[in-house]
Amino acid sequence: MEDNRESIVRIAQRTGTTEQEALILYHLSRAHDLLLKLPGKSYADTTAIGLNINALYRMVAERVVRRDHPEGWGGDQQT
């Protein structure tokens, strides 16, 4: 995991995420790659992988937006 620290720091800097959120994005990217390499996938499987991974990416992105712009997302709600 230590070898990936630089990648995670770059993700955090590029996306405005915390390091913990960047770690999630890092692992989502790896999971996406591995899922797409599974043998015997159908078109529906590939579509489902993309939709579900993207939903998880959006969850992290929403945290960043809420943190950076709380006034536009219901005040000072917890993230």
C-alpha atoms as a PDB file:
ATOM      1  CA  MET A   1       0.000   0.000   0.000  1.00  0.00           C
ATOM      2  CA  GLU A   2       2.881   2.350   0.694  1.00  0.00           C
ATOM      3  CA  ASP A   3       3.851   2.213  -2.992  1.00  0.00           C
ATOM      4  CA  ASN A   4       0.467   3.738  -3.867  1.00  0.00           C
ATOM      5  CA  ARG A   5       0.734   6.636  -1.414  1.00  0.00           C
ATOM      6  CA  GLU A   6       1.940   9.048  -4.098  1.00  0.00           C
ATOM      7  CA  SER A   7      -0.982   8.114  -6.351  1.00  0.00           C
ATOM      8  CA  ILE A   8      -3.442   8.682  -3.520  1.00  0.00           C
ATOM      9  CA  VAL A   9      -1.921  12.063  -2.653  1.00  0.00           C
ATOM     10  CA  ARG A  10      -2.131  13.092  -6.331  1.00  0.00           C
ATOM     11  CA  ILE A  11      -5.782  12.025  -6.464  1.00  0.00           C
ATOM     12  CA  ALA A  12      -6.524  14.083  -3.342  1.00  0.00           C
ATOM     13  CA  GLN A  13      -4.801  17.152  -4.788  1.00  0.00           C
ATOM     14  CA  ARG A  14      -6.471  16.793  -8.178  1.00  0.00           C
ATOM     15  CA  THR A  15      -9.991  16.144  -6.889  1.00  0.00           C
ATOM     16  CA  GLY A  16     -10.190  18.156  -3.675  1.00  0.00           C
ATOM     17  CA  THR A  17     -10.878  15.024  -1.655  1.00  0.00           C
ATOM     18  CA  THR A  18      -9.455  14.146   1.706  1.00  0.00           C
ATOM     19  CA  GLU A  19      -6.796  11.448   1.672  1.00  0.00           C
ATOM     20  CA  GLN A  20      -9.361   8.954   2.959  1.00  0.00           C
ATOM     21  CA  GLU A  21     -11.762   9.850   0.126  1.00  0.00           C
ATOM     22  CA  ALA A  22      -8.871   9.695  -2.348  1.00  0.00           C
ATOM     23  CA  LEU A  23      -8.072   6.223  -1.051  1.00  0.00           C
ATOM     24  CA  ILE A  24     -11.659   5.204  -1.811  1.00  0.00           C
ATOM     25  CA  LEU A  25     -11.363   6.634  -5.337  1.00  0.00           C
ATOM     26  CA  TYR A  26      -8.093   4.783  -5.812  1.00  0.00           C
ATOM     27  CA  HIS A  27      -9.645   1.474  -4.802  1.00  0.00           C
ATOM     28  CA  LEU A  28     -12.765   2.096  -6.888  1.00  0.00           C
ATOM     29  CA  SER A  29     -10.560   2.570  -9.917  1.00  0.00           C
ATOM     30  CA  ARG A  30      -8.696  -0.661  -9.184  1.00  0.00           C
ATOM     31  CA  ALA A  31     -11.965  -2.542  -8.554  1.00  0.00           C
ATOM     32  CA  HIS A  32     -13.383  -1.232 -11.834  1.00  0.00           C
ATOM     33  CA  ASP A  33     -10.333  -2.448 -13.747  1.00  0.00           C
ATOM     34  CA  LEU A  34     -10.437  -5.875 -12.085  1.00  0.00           C
ATOM     35  CA  LEU A  35     -14.176  -6.316 -12.588  1.00  0.00           C
ATOM     36  CA  LEU A  36     -13.848  -5.526 -16.281  1.00  0.00           C
ATOM     37  CA  LYS A  37     -11.162  -8.213 -16.596  1.00  0.00           C
ATOM     38  CA  LEU A  38     -13.404 -10.964 -15.218  1.00  0.00           C
ATOM     39  CA  PRO A  39     -13.964 -13.716 -17.755  1.00  0.00           C
ATOM     40  CA  GLY A  40     -17.412 -14.494 -19.100  1.00  0.00           C
ATOM     41  CA  LYS A  41     -18.919 -11.051 -18.684  1.00  0.00           C
ATOM     42  CA  SER A  42     -21.973 -10.146 -20.719  1.00  0.00           C
ATOM     43  CA  TYR A  43     -22.781  -6.691 -22.044  1.00  0.00           C
ATOM     44  CA  ALA A  44     -25.265  -6.370 -19.157  1.00  0.00           C
ATOM     45  CA  ASP A  45     -22.520  -7.230 -16.665  1.00  0.00           C
ATOM     46  CA  THR A  46     -20.212  -4.610 -18.140  1.00  0.00           C
ATOM     47  CA  THR A  47     -22.993  -2.026 -18.039  1.00  0.00           C
ATOM     48  CA  ALA A  48     -23.845  -2.897 -14.418  1.00  0.00           C
ATOM     49  CA  ILE A  49     -20.199  -2.623 -13.403  1.00  0.00           C
ATOM     50  CA  GLY A  50     -19.947   0.846 -14.926  1.00  0.00           C
ATOM     51  CA  LEU A  51     -23.218   2.073 -13.431  1.00  0.00           C
ATOM     52  CA  ASN A  52     -22.449   0.817  -9.944  1.00  0.00           C
ATOM     53  CA  ILE A  53     -18.849   2.008  -9.826  1.00  0.00           C
ATOM     54  CA  ASN A  54     -19.972   5.416 -11.136  1.00  0.00           C
ATOM     55  CA  ALA A  55     -22.624   5.610  -8.397  1.00  0.00           C
ATOM     56  CA  LEU A  56     -19.897   5.109  -5.797  1.00  0.00           C
ATOM     57  CA  TYR A  57     -17.723   7.768  -7.450  1.00  0.00           C
ATOM     58  CA  ARG A  58     -20.695  10.154  -7.316  1.00  0.00           C
ATOM     59  CA  MET A  59     -21.130   9.501  -3.592  1.00  0.00           C
ATOM     60  CA  VAL A  60     -17.572  10.680  -2.966  1.00  0.00           C
ATOM     61  CA  ALA A  61     -18.002  13.637  -5.324  1.00  0.00           C
ATOM     62  CA  GLU A  62     -21.162  14.693  -3.499  1.00  0.00           C
ATOM     63  CA  ARG A  63     -19.218  14.792  -0.222  1.00  0.00           C
ATOM     64  CA  VAL A  64     -16.680  17.159  -1.778  1.00  0.00           C
ATOM     65  CA  VAL A  65     -19.360  19.426  -3.233  1.00  0.00           C
ATOM     66  CA  ARG A  66     -21.300  19.539   0.040  1.00  0.00           C
ATOM     67  CA  ARG A  67     -18.130  20.337   1.961  1.00  0.00           C
ATOM     68  CA  ASP A  68     -16.954  23.008  -0.484  1.00  0.00           C
ATOM     69  CA  HIS A  69     -20.405  24.576  -1.047  1.00  0.00           C
ATOM     70  CA  PRO A  70     -22.589  23.892   2.017  1.00  0.00           C
ATOM     71  CA  GLU A  71     -24.782  26.898   1.263  1.00  0.00           C
ATOM     72  CA  GLY A  72     -26.036  25.227  -1.890  1.00  0.00           C
ATOM     73  CA  TRP A  73     -26.744  21.881  -0.265  1.00  0.00           C
ATOM     74  CA  GLY A  74     -28.977  22.463   2.730  1.00  0.00           C
ATOM     75  CA  GLY A  75     -26.753  24.550   4.969  1.00  0.00           C
ATOM     76  CA  ASP A  76     -24.110  23.131   7.247  1.00  0.00           C
ATOM     77  CA  GLN A  77     -25.195  19.487   7.200  1.00  0.00           C
ATOM     78  CA  GLN A  78     -22.650  16.858   8.191  1.00  0.00           C
ATOM     79  CA  THR A  79     -20.928  14.928   5.389  1.00  0.00           C
END
